[in-house]
């Protein structure tokens, strides 16, 4: 018989099984011993009754310490009071490894202490729940795009030039070819993919050398970036809206237990269904002014501004047509008002800010070349990108969704550092 995992216990109720895992905690009550095992798929309590097992097996309970590895064999029994709905009446127990003085105990620990031991902190029930939600977010994103005929196009990590801003690049020497940079986005390569396959998505790590210490920033994070030929800004917003609904509803359905453990109030999440409210940048500025924020037209929305705007809605809000001067060189200007770009940001409620940023791309060769020069970008590094406007250029659009910001919002986290297994920040490169 293949190995049984804790998450499968509902399939083998009444049967005898052997589980493999680690000791989460233990306690005693008279002649009964209780062991909580975790195996990566869940937690289950094993019950050892004196007299039901040999003295030798009963004594092994005392040897086990937190995070020791062991197996326990017994009969699976339904138990409504148990978090997983089942317990194990133990008949045998084998110790595989004794963990000595595990550093993360049930007492309170500071954030720095836990971050220094992130490789061990991942074993806690809270971190386990968060990363299971992260897995669900990524899984549902792939399901969404794969189910709609998108092709995955992997973009390079090393790039010859900036995609976003030249001041936030990680630079490295690249053999005899000079400097290379860690990618800020796979978008430009996604555009090439869209011209070949029609609709694609790039999914991978991205890097920003921003010297920011806010709870919304990491130096290494993951993004999914769809790109679709012949789409305009409206089509782009429709796609972002549908994807966001699919992702959030998938987490509510398949990760309800994890969200409950995290004590997440899911009322706002349940509202994430199309259509999402859409407002212009001008309307966002009006909202800020009505709420006493001295905001000047032409500035980009800051964290506080995004929070004030999003507080007016009970679900994510789409803000579109930003001032062109605060947006990237590749974003197309609105033909009706060249001062604004055909750009959109999706702001999550509850103060979580921008989780999606996208636009219709500039498809005119001369206009794009002019923007590259305006931004003092090296034209030679973008010759291949300009080729997309030389040979069969069409209107197209896309966006990027930050995985960590989305996970933080869905889980209700205070900081992005818990939304990725091993966070990289300006003051942290280990473990």
Protein backbone atom coordinates (compact mmCIF):
# COMPACT_ATOMS: atom_id res chain seq x y z
CA UNK A 1 0.00 0.00 0.00
CA UNK A 2 1.30 3.49 -0.83
CA UNK A 3 2.15 5.84 2.00
CA UNK A 4 -0.78 7.55 3.69
CA UNK A 5 -0.62 11.26 4.48
CA UNK A 6 -2.59 13.10 7.14
CA UNK A 7 -4.71 14.93 4.55
CA UNK A 8 -5.90 11.50 3.31
CA UNK A 9 -7.17 10.18 6.64
CA UNK A 10 -10.80 10.74 5.66
CA UNK A 11 -10.28 8.11 2.96
CA UNK A 12 -9.11 5.42 5.41
CA UNK A 13 -11.39 5.87 8.44
CA UNK A 14 -11.48 2.68 10.51
CA UNK A 15 -8.33 1.31 8.92
CA UNK A 16 -4.89 0.78 10.40
CA UNK A 17 -2.24 3.04 8.90
CA UNK A 18 1.33 4.18 9.54
CA UNK A 19 2.02 7.91 9.43
CA UNK A 20 5.44 9.53 9.01
CA UNK A 21 6.15 13.00 10.37
CA UNK A 22 7.46 15.28 13.09
CA UNK A 23 6.30 16.02 16.62
CA UNK A 24 4.44 19.32 16.79
CA UNK A 25 3.59 19.07 20.48
CA UNK A 26 2.58 16.55 23.15
CA UNK A 27 0.76 16.32 26.47
CA UNK A 28 -0.26 13.79 29.11
CA UNK A 29 -3.48 13.13 31.02
CA UNK A 30 -3.34 10.30 33.54
CA UNK A 31 -2.65 7.06 31.67
CA UNK A 32 -3.26 8.67 28.28
CA UNK A 33 -0.59 10.28 26.13
CA UNK A 34 -1.33 12.65 23.24
CA UNK A 35 1.05 13.31 20.35
CA UNK A 36 0.36 15.87 17.62
CA UNK A 37 2.15 14.93 14.43
CA UNK A 38 2.62 17.11 11.37
CA UNK A 39 3.65 15.70 8.01
CA UNK A 40 3.46 18.72 5.73
CA UNK A 41 -0.11 17.99 4.62
CA UNK A 42 -1.77 18.54 7.97
CA UNK A 43 -1.81 17.81 11.69
CA UNK A 44 -3.25 14.83 13.55
CA UNK A 45 -3.36 13.78 17.17
CA UNK A 46 -2.23 10.32 18.13
CA UNK A 47 -3.67 8.83 21.35
CA UNK A 48 -1.59 6.32 23.31
CA UNK A 49 -3.35 4.48 26.12
CA UNK A 50 -1.29 2.67 28.76
CA UNK A 51 -1.98 -1.04 28.44
CA UNK A 52 -2.93 -0.75 24.77
CA UNK A 53 0.75 -0.73 23.77
CA UNK A 54 3.89 -2.33 25.18
CA UNK A 55 5.76 -0.63 27.99
CA UNK A 56 8.61 0.00 25.57
CA UNK A 57 6.35 1.83 23.09
CA UNK A 58 4.65 3.77 25.90
CA UNK A 59 8.04 4.92 27.17
CA UNK A 60 9.01 6.33 23.78
CA UNK A 61 6.55 9.14 24.35
CA UNK A 62 8.87 10.61 26.98
CA UNK A 63 11.85 10.51 24.60
CA UNK A 64 10.17 12.52 21.87
CA UNK A 65 10.96 16.24 21.75
CA UNK A 66 9.54 19.03 19.61
CA UNK A 67 10.34 18.43 15.91
CA UNK A 68 11.68 14.92 16.48
CA UNK A 69 10.95 12.63 13.51
CA UNK A 70 8.91 9.48 14.12
CA UNK A 71 6.29 7.15 12.74
CA UNK A 72 3.12 6.07 14.48
CA UNK A 73 0.84 3.20 13.57
CA UNK A 74 -2.76 2.91 14.61
CA UNK A 75 -6.42 2.91 13.69
CA UNK A 76 -7.97 6.01 12.16
CA UNK A 77 -10.95 7.21 14.18
CA UNK A 78 -13.39 10.04 13.41
CA UNK A 79 -13.26 12.81 16.02
CA UNK A 80 -15.36 15.94 15.49
CA UNK A 81 -13.39 17.90 18.08
CA UNK A 82 -10.16 17.37 16.17
CA UNK A 83 -9.18 20.15 13.71
CA UNK A 84 -8.84 17.60 10.91
CA UNK A 85 -11.83 15.55 12.00
CA UNK A 86 -9.78 12.41 12.79
CA UNK A 87 -7.46 10.98 15.42
CA UNK A 88 -5.20 7.94 15.52
CA UNK A 89 -5.47 5.27 18.25
CA UNK A 90 -1.77 4.40 18.38
CA UNK A 91 -0.58 0.79 18.58
CA UNK A 92 3.07 1.34 17.70
CA UNK A 93 5.55 4.20 17.62
CA UNK A 94 9.06 4.32 16.14
CA UNK A 95 11.55 7.13 16.73
CA UNK A 96 13.56 8.11 13.65
CA UNK A 97 15.48 11.11 14.99
CA UNK A 98 15.54 13.09 18.21
CA UNK A 99 15.68 16.89 17.78
CA UNK A 100 17.69 18.50 20.58
CA UNK A 101 16.71 21.95 21.91
CA UNK A 102 14.58 23.10 19.00
CA UNK A 103 14.99 26.91 19.05
CA UNK A 104 11.42 27.95 18.19
CA UNK A 105 9.31 27.12 21.21
CA UNK A 106 5.60 27.87 21.90
CA UNK A 107 6.59 31.08 23.71
CA UNK A 108 6.60 34.47 21.95
CA UNK A 109 9.62 35.25 19.77
CA UNK A 110 10.65 38.50 18.10
CA UNK A 111 10.41 38.94 14.34
CA UNK A 112 14.19 39.15 13.85
CA UNK A 113 14.66 35.95 15.84
CA UNK A 114 12.11 34.15 13.69
CA UNK A 115 13.41 35.59 10.41
CA UNK A 116 16.94 34.45 11.30
CA UNK A 117 15.45 30.97 11.63
CA UNK A 118 13.08 31.21 8.67
CA UNK A 119 14.13 27.74 7.52
CA UNK A 120 12.63 26.39 10.75
CA UNK A 121 9.83 28.93 11.15
CA UNK A 122 8.23 27.50 8.00
CA UNK A 123 7.22 24.49 10.10
CA UNK A 124 4.80 26.46 12.26
CA UNK A 125 1.08 26.11 11.67
CA UNK A 126 0.68 29.80 10.73
CA UNK A 127 3.50 29.83 8.19
CA UNK A 128 2.33 26.49 6.87
CA UNK A 129 -1.15 27.94 6.29
CA UNK A 130 0.20 31.06 4.56
CA UNK A 131 2.36 29.11 2.15
CA UNK A 132 -0.46 26.70 1.37
CA UNK A 133 -2.53 29.74 0.38
CA UNK A 134 0.42 30.94 -1.74
CA UNK A 135 0.46 27.56 -3.45
CA UNK A 136 -3.26 27.88 -4.14
CA UNK A 137 -2.83 31.37 -5.58
CA UNK A 138 -0.16 30.15 -7.99
CA UNK A 139 -2.10 27.00 -8.88
CA UNK A 140 -5.28 28.94 -9.60
CA UNK A 141 -3.42 31.48 -11.74
CA UNK A 142 -2.00 28.71 -13.90
CA UNK A 143 -5.43 27.07 -14.10
CA UNK A 144 -6.96 30.35 -15.21
CA UNK A 145 -4.55 31.04 -18.05
CA UNK A 146 -4.04 27.43 -19.12
CA UNK A 147 -7.79 26.97 -19.25
CA UNK A 148 -8.13 29.95 -21.58
CA UNK A 149 -5.58 28.84 -24.14
CA UNK A 150 -2.66 30.96 -22.98
CA UNK A 151 0.90 29.76 -23.63
CA UNK A 152 3.50 30.02 -20.86
CA UNK A 153 6.58 31.90 -22.09
CA UNK A 154 9.56 31.91 -19.75
CA UNK A 155 11.43 35.23 -19.74
CA UNK A 156 15.17 35.50 -18.97
CA UNK A 157 16.41 36.50 -15.54
CA UNK A 158 19.46 38.29 -17.01
CA UNK A 159 18.51 41.27 -19.18
CA UNK A 160 20.56 43.87 -21.06
CA UNK A 161 18.56 46.91 -19.94
CA UNK A 162 15.90 48.33 -17.65
CA UNK A 163 12.21 47.61 -18.09
CA UNK A 164 10.93 49.89 -15.33
CA UNK A 165 13.41 52.36 -13.84
CA UNK A 166 17.18 52.46 -14.24
CA UNK A 167 17.67 53.37 -10.56
CA UNK A 168 16.23 50.08 -9.30
CA UNK A 169 18.45 47.61 -11.18
CA UNK A 170 20.68 44.90 -9.73
CA UNK A 171 23.79 44.95 -11.91
CA UNK A 172 26.30 42.16 -12.47
CA UNK A 173 29.26 41.60 -14.81
CA UNK A 174 28.36 39.33 -17.72
CA UNK A 175 31.55 37.73 -19.07
CA UNK A 176 33.04 39.89 -21.86
CA UNK A 177 29.73 41.49 -22.80
CA UNK A 178 29.76 44.13 -20.08
CA UNK A 179 26.93 44.52 -17.59
CA UNK A 180 23.76 42.51 -17.23
CA UNK A 181 20.85 43.19 -14.91
CA UNK A 182 18.46 41.05 -12.92
CA UNK A 183 15.05 41.37 -14.51
CA UNK A 184 12.56 43.88 -13.15
CA UNK A 185 9.80 42.31 -15.23
CA UNK A 186 9.29 39.70 -17.92
CA UNK A 187 6.83 41.95 -19.73
CA UNK A 188 8.93 42.97 -22.74
CA UNK A 189 9.61 39.33 -23.52
CA UNK A 190 5.95 38.57 -22.94
CA UNK A 191 5.13 41.08 -25.68
CA UNK A 192 7.39 39.17 -28.07
CA UNK A 193 5.57 35.99 -27.04
CA UNK A 194 2.18 37.59 -27.68
CA UNK A 195 3.24 38.51 -31.22
CA UNK A 196 4.11 34.85 -31.78
CA UNK A 197 1.33 33.02 -29.88
CA UNK A 198 -1.42 35.62 -29.55
CA UNK A 199 -1.92 35.25 -25.80
CA UNK A 200 0.80 34.31 -23.34
CA UNK A 201 1.81 34.66 -19.72
CA UNK A 202 5.19 35.01 -18.08
CA UNK A 203 5.56 33.66 -14.55
CA UNK A 204 8.74 34.05 -12.56
CA UNK A 205 10.89 35.97 -10.09
CA UNK A 206 11.62 39.66 -10.55
CA UNK A 207 14.06 41.97 -8.79
CA UNK A 208 13.90 45.62 -7.74
CA UNK A 209 16.82 47.38 -6.06
CA UNK A 210 14.57 49.84 -4.26
CA UNK A 211 15.95 50.96 -0.92
CA UNK A 212 12.55 50.66 0.67
CA UNK A 213 11.76 49.31 4.11
CA UNK A 214 7.98 49.42 3.86
CA UNK A 215 5.81 46.40 4.52
CA UNK A 216 4.84 46.38 0.83
CA UNK A 217 8.32 45.90 -0.63
CA UNK A 218 10.69 43.00 -1.24
CA UNK A 219 13.83 43.05 -3.41
CA UNK A 220 12.93 39.67 -4.91
CA UNK A 221 9.34 38.78 -5.66
CA UNK A 222 7.22 36.77 -8.09
CA UNK A 223 4.93 38.09 -10.78
CA UNK A 224 2.55 36.67 -13.34
CA UNK A 225 2.38 38.79 -16.47
CA UNK A 226 -0.15 38.00 -19.21
CA UNK A 227 0.13 39.71 -22.58
CA UNK A 228 -2.53 39.56 -25.30
CA UNK A 229 -2.31 40.67 -28.93
CA UNK A 230 -5.21 42.83 -30.18
CA UNK A 231 -6.36 43.66 -26.63
CA UNK A 232 -6.98 47.27 -25.62
CA UNK A 233 -7.18 48.79 -22.14
CA UNK A 234 -10.80 47.73 -21.65
CA UNK A 235 -10.01 44.14 -22.65
CA UNK A 236 -7.04 44.24 -20.28
CA UNK A 237 -9.23 45.29 -17.36
CA UNK A 238 -11.74 42.57 -18.20
CA UNK A 239 -8.96 39.97 -18.09
CA UNK A 240 -7.52 41.24 -14.80
CA UNK A 241 -10.96 41.29 -13.25
CA UNK A 242 -11.77 37.71 -14.31
CA UNK A 243 -8.39 36.41 -13.14
CA UNK A 244 -8.67 38.09 -9.75
CA UNK A 245 -12.14 36.67 -9.19
CA UNK A 246 -10.95 33.17 -10.11
CA UNK A 247 -7.92 33.34 -7.79
CA UNK A 248 -9.74 34.69 -4.74
CA UNK A 249 -12.77 32.42 -5.05
CA UNK A 250 -10.44 29.43 -5.50
CA UNK A 251 -8.68 30.28 -2.23
CA UNK A 252 -11.99 30.72 -0.40
CA UNK A 253 -13.15 27.31 -1.64
CA UNK A 254 -9.98 25.21 -1.32
CA UNK A 255 -8.09 26.97 1.49
CA UNK A 256 -10.93 27.71 3.89
CA UNK A 257 -9.21 25.77 6.69
CA UNK A 258 -6.00 27.76 6.30
CA UNK A 259 -7.83 31.09 6.22
CA UNK A 260 -9.72 30.07 9.35
CA UNK A 261 -6.46 29.21 11.12
CA UNK A 262 -5.15 32.64 10.13
CA UNK A 263 -8.35 34.15 11.62
CA UNK A 264 -8.95 35.95 8.33
CA UNK A 265 -12.22 37.83 8.03
CA UNK A 266 -13.25 36.78 4.53
CA UNK A 267 -16.18 39.17 4.05
CA UNK A 268 -14.23 41.47 1.69
CA UNK A 269 -12.78 38.50 -0.17
CA UNK A 270 -16.23 37.09 -0.82
CA UNK A 271 -17.06 40.35 -2.63
CA UNK A 272 -14.34 39.82 -5.22
CA UNK A 273 -16.58 39.10 -8.17
CA UNK A 274 -16.98 40.82 -11.52
CA UNK A 275 -17.71 43.55 -12.22
CA UNK A 276 -15.16 45.41 -10.11
CA UNK A 277 -15.57 49.20 -9.78
CA UNK A 278 -13.57 51.22 -12.32
CA UNK A 279 -12.63 54.85 -11.81
CA UNK A 280 -10.31 57.22 -13.64
CA UNK A 281 -7.24 58.76 -12.05
CA UNK A 282 -9.13 62.08 -12.13
CA UNK A 283 -11.93 60.52 -10.09
CA UNK A 284 -9.37 59.11 -7.65
CA UNK A 285 -7.94 62.61 -7.19
CA UNK A 286 -11.46 63.91 -6.44
CA UNK A 287 -11.87 61.21 -3.79
CA UNK A 288 -8.58 62.25 -2.16
CA UNK A 289 -9.57 65.92 -2.14
CA UNK A 290 -12.98 65.10 -0.62
CA UNK A 291 -11.17 63.20 2.15
CA UNK A 292 -8.88 66.10 2.98
CA UNK A 293 -5.77 64.84 1.18
CA UNK A 294 -3.76 67.66 -0.41
CA UNK A 295 -2.93 65.69 -3.53
CA UNK A 296 -1.56 67.39 -6.64
CA UNK A 297 -2.72 66.16 -10.06
CA UNK A 298 0.20 64.61 -11.92
CA UNK A 299 1.70 62.77 -8.96
CA UNK A 300 1.59 59.01 -8.67
CA UNK A 301 -0.61 57.57 -5.94
CA UNK A 302 1.32 56.77 -2.79
CA UNK A 303 0.51 54.09 -0.23
CA UNK A 304 -1.69 56.37 1.87
CA UNK A 305 -3.46 57.68 -1.23
CA UNK A 306 -4.21 54.15 -2.43
CA UNK A 307 -5.60 53.26 0.99
CA UNK A 308 -7.94 56.27 1.08
CA UNK A 309 -9.23 55.54 -2.43
CA UNK A 310 -9.73 51.83 -1.81
CA UNK A 311 -11.59 52.51 1.46
CA UNK A 312 -14.49 53.86 -0.59
CA UNK A 313 -15.20 50.39 -2.00
CA UNK A 314 -16.04 46.96 -0.63
CA UNK A 315 -13.86 45.13 -3.17
CA UNK A 316 -10.77 45.87 -5.29
CA UNK A 317 -11.04 49.02 -7.40
CA UNK A 318 -9.49 49.59 -10.83
CA UNK A 319 -7.94 53.04 -11.35
CA UNK A 320 -7.15 53.83 -14.98
CA UNK A 321 -5.70 56.59 -17.18
CA UNK A 322 -2.84 57.83 -15.02
CA UNK A 323 -0.70 60.84 -15.98
CA UNK A 324 1.70 59.64 -18.67
CA UNK A 325 4.68 61.28 -16.94
CA UNK A 326 4.52 58.91 -13.94
CA UNK A 327 4.16 55.74 -16.02
CA UNK A 328 6.65 53.58 -17.91
CA UNK A 329 7.94 54.41 -21.39
CA UNK A 330 6.13 51.51 -23.06
CA UNK A 331 2.61 52.56 -22.02
CA UNK A 332 0.44 53.95 -24.82
CA UNK A 333 -0.95 57.48 -24.51
CA UNK A 334 -4.69 57.98 -24.67
CA UNK A 335 -5.50 59.31 -28.18
CA UNK A 336 -8.30 61.39 -26.63
CA UNK A 337 -5.94 62.94 -24.05
CA UNK A 338 -2.18 62.47 -24.62
CA UNK A 339 -1.46 63.70 -21.09
CA UNK A 340 -2.66 60.36 -19.70
CA UNK A 341 -1.53 56.81 -20.36
CA UNK A 342 -3.83 53.88 -21.07
CA UNK A 343 -2.74 52.36 -17.78
CA UNK A 344 -4.59 50.64 -14.96
CA UNK A 345 -3.76 49.72 -11.37
CA UNK A 346 -5.91 47.43 -9.26
CA UNK A 347 -5.99 48.49 -5.61
CA UNK A 348 -6.86 45.89 -3.01
CA UNK A 349 -9.08 46.92 -0.09
CA UNK A 350 -8.11 47.04 3.59
CA UNK A 351 -4.96 49.05 2.92
CA UNK A 352 -3.13 46.46 0.81
CA UNK A 353 -2.59 48.82 -2.11
CA UNK A 354 -1.65 48.01 -5.68
CA UNK A 355 -1.68 44.31 -6.54
CA UNK A 356 -1.97 44.66 -10.33
CA UNK A 357 -0.39 47.19 -12.68
CA UNK A 358 -0.89 47.11 -16.41
CA UNK A 359 -1.53 49.01 -19.60
CA UNK A 360 -2.15 48.99 -23.29
CA UNK A 361 1.33 49.01 -24.85
CA UNK A 362 2.65 51.56 -27.30
CA UNK A 363 2.41 49.83 -30.69
CA UNK A 364 3.68 52.70 -32.86
CA UNK A 365 7.37 52.47 -33.77
CA UNK A 366 8.13 56.20 -33.87
CA UNK A 367 6.27 56.91 -30.63
CA UNK A 368 8.05 54.09 -28.80
CA UNK A 369 11.47 55.15 -30.12
CA UNK A 370 10.77 58.68 -28.96
CA UNK A 371 9.93 57.47 -25.45
CA UNK A 372 13.10 55.39 -25.26
CA UNK A 373 15.11 58.51 -26.09
CA UNK A 374 13.12 60.66 -23.65
CA UNK A 375 13.94 58.22 -20.84
CA UNK A 376 17.64 58.17 -21.83
CA UNK A 377 17.55 54.42 -22.36
CA UNK A 378 20.17 52.77 -24.59
CA UNK A 379 18.48 52.26 -27.97
CA UNK A 380 20.78 49.38 -28.87
CA UNK A 381 19.47 47.33 -25.93
CA UNK A 382 15.91 47.80 -27.21
CA UNK A 383 16.46 47.12 -30.91
CA UNK A 384 14.88 43.70 -30.57
CA UNK A 385 11.90 45.24 -28.74
CA UNK A 386 11.50 47.84 -31.51
CA UNK A 387 11.42 44.97 -34.02
CA UNK A 388 8.03 44.05 -32.58
CA UNK A 389 6.80 47.40 -33.95
CA UNK A 390 8.62 46.96 -37.27
CA UNK A 391 7.18 43.59 -38.19
CA UNK A 392 3.43 43.17 -37.82
CA UNK A 393 2.74 45.58 -34.96
CA UNK A 394 -0.76 45.40 -33.48
CA UNK A 395 -2.53 46.87 -30.44
CA UNK A 396 -1.80 44.74 -27.39
CA UNK A 397 -2.07 44.94 -23.62
CA UNK A 398 -1.04 43.18 -20.46
CA UNK A 399 -0.49 43.49 -16.73
CA UNK A 400 1.54 42.15 -13.84
CA UNK A 401 0.17 40.72 -10.61
CA UNK A 402 2.49 40.52 -7.62
CA UNK A 403 2.16 37.15 -5.91
CA UNK A 404 3.35 38.26 -2.49
CA UNK A 405 1.09 41.32 -2.33
CA UNK A 406 -1.84 39.17 -3.39
CA UNK A 407 -1.05 36.48 -0.80
CA UNK A 408 -0.62 39.14 1.90
CA UNK A 409 -4.02 40.59 1.08
CA UNK A 410 -5.82 37.24 0.92
CA UNK A 411 -4.23 36.07 4.18
CA UNK A 412 -4.56 39.43 5.94
CA UNK A 413 -0.82 39.71 6.69
CA UNK A 414 0.92 42.76 8.12
CA UNK A 415 4.09 42.33 6.02
CA UNK A 416 5.12 40.74 2.72
CA UNK A 417 7.97 38.85 4.36
CA UNK A 418 5.61 36.07 5.46
CA UNK A 419 4.13 35.65 1.97
CA UNK A 420 7.27 34.12 0.44
CA UNK A 421 9.29 31.18 1.80
CA UNK A 422 12.63 33.03 2.03
CA UNK A 423 12.19 36.82 1.78
CA UNK A 424 14.89 39.11 0.43
CA UNK A 425 14.86 42.67 1.74
CA UNK A 426 17.45 45.44 1.78
CA UNK A 427 18.56 44.34 5.22
CA UNK A 428 18.16 40.57 4.80
CA UNK A 429 19.94 38.06 2.56
CA UNK A 430 19.80 35.01 4.84
CA UNK A 431 18.87 32.28 5.40
